[in-house]
Amino acid sequence: MHPHLLASGTELATAIRSGRATSEEVVSVHIERVRAKNPVLNAVVEDRFAEALREAKDADRRVRDEGPEGLPPFHGVPCT
């Protein structure tokens, strides 16, 4: 299992802020997991994967351009 799937929201936020991970990477890993497991679970009835990836790219741009200071605590961390 990918480490991003086992990390807490705080751990993911720290990784994104520090540049050890990107929001796009984290979101992509979670989308892959939903696509793999949702046919059995039927927990996500309507996805917004394309929008989430666009938002992740924007979050990464903000970290790059503005730096992590002043951004919300869970900036770039996906949630459902």
Protein backbone atom coordinates (compact mmCIF):
# COMPACT_ATOMS: atom_id res chain seq x y z
CA MET A 1 0.00 0.00 0.00
CA HIS A 2 1.28 3.47 -0.86
CA PRO A 3 2.62 5.43 2.15
CA HIS A 4 0.35 8.40 1.36
CA LEU A 5 -2.64 6.16 2.08
CA LEU A 6 -1.32 5.36 5.55
CA ALA A 7 -0.33 8.90 6.51
CA SER A 8 -2.46 11.15 8.70
CA GLY A 9 -3.76 14.47 7.44
CA THR A 10 -1.13 16.22 9.53
CA GLU A 11 1.64 14.08 8.04
CA LEU A 12 0.39 14.76 4.52
CA ALA A 13 0.15 18.51 5.19
CA THR A 14 3.73 18.53 6.50
CA ALA A 15 5.00 16.59 3.48
CA ILE A 16 3.24 18.95 1.06
CA ARG A 17 4.50 22.08 2.84
CA SER A 18 8.07 20.78 2.98
CA GLY A 19 8.14 19.67 -0.65
CA ARG A 20 8.57 15.97 0.17
CA ALA A 21 5.26 15.39 -1.63
CA THR A 22 2.98 17.39 -3.87
CA SER A 23 -0.74 17.76 -3.45
CA GLU A 24 -1.18 16.44 -6.99
CA GLU A 25 0.75 13.29 -6.10
CA VAL A 26 -1.23 12.75 -2.88
CA VAL A 27 -4.58 13.34 -4.59
CA SER A 28 -3.64 11.01 -7.47
CA VAL A 29 -2.78 8.18 -5.07
CA HIS A 30 -6.10 8.60 -3.28
CA ILE A 31 -8.03 8.70 -6.56
CA GLU A 32 -6.37 5.45 -7.63
CA ARG A 33 -7.43 3.84 -4.35
CA VAL A 34 -11.04 5.04 -4.68
CA ARG A 35 -11.19 3.71 -8.24
CA ALA A 36 -9.83 0.34 -7.10
CA LYS A 37 -12.07 -0.10 -4.05
CA ASN A 38 -15.25 1.82 -4.76
CA PRO A 39 -16.81 -0.76 -7.09
CA VAL A 40 -17.11 -3.06 -4.07
CA LEU A 41 -17.74 -0.44 -1.38
CA ASN A 42 -19.96 1.93 -3.36
CA ALA A 43 -19.02 4.67 -0.90
CA VAL A 44 -18.36 7.46 -3.42
CA VAL A 45 -21.52 7.96 -5.46
CA GLU A 46 -20.32 10.93 -7.47
CA ASP A 47 -16.66 11.64 -8.07
CA ARG A 48 -15.01 14.98 -8.75
CA PHE A 49 -11.58 13.64 -9.63
CA ALA A 50 -10.83 16.10 -12.45
CA GLU A 51 -11.69 19.06 -10.22
CA ALA A 52 -9.65 17.64 -7.35
CA LEU A 53 -6.60 17.30 -9.58
CA ARG A 54 -6.99 20.89 -10.81
CA GLU A 55 -7.30 22.09 -7.22
CA ALA A 56 -4.22 20.05 -6.24
CA LYS A 57 -2.17 21.67 -9.01
CA ASP A 58 -3.30 25.08 -7.80
CA ALA A 59 -2.39 24.16 -4.22
CA ASP A 60 1.09 23.10 -5.37
CA ARG A 61 1.49 26.35 -7.31
CA ARG A 62 0.60 28.34 -4.20
CA VAL A 63 3.14 26.45 -2.08
CA ARG A 64 5.79 27.13 -4.73
CA ASP A 65 4.90 30.77 -5.34
CA GLU A 66 3.85 31.93 -1.88
CA GLY A 67 5.72 29.54 0.38
CA PRO A 68 4.01 27.47 3.08
CA GLU A 69 3.75 30.28 5.63
CA GLY A 70 0.29 31.80 5.77
CA LEU A 71 -1.48 28.94 3.99
CA PRO A 72 -4.27 27.03 5.78
CA PRO A 73 -3.05 24.15 8.01
CA PHE A 74 -4.31 21.38 5.71
CA HIS A 75 -3.55 23.16 2.44
CA GLY A 76 -3.38 20.62 -0.38
CA VAL A 77 -4.59 17.64 1.67
CA PRO A 78 -7.47 15.74 0.00
CA CYS A 79 -10.68 14.93 1.83
CA THR A 80 -13.97 13.27 0.99
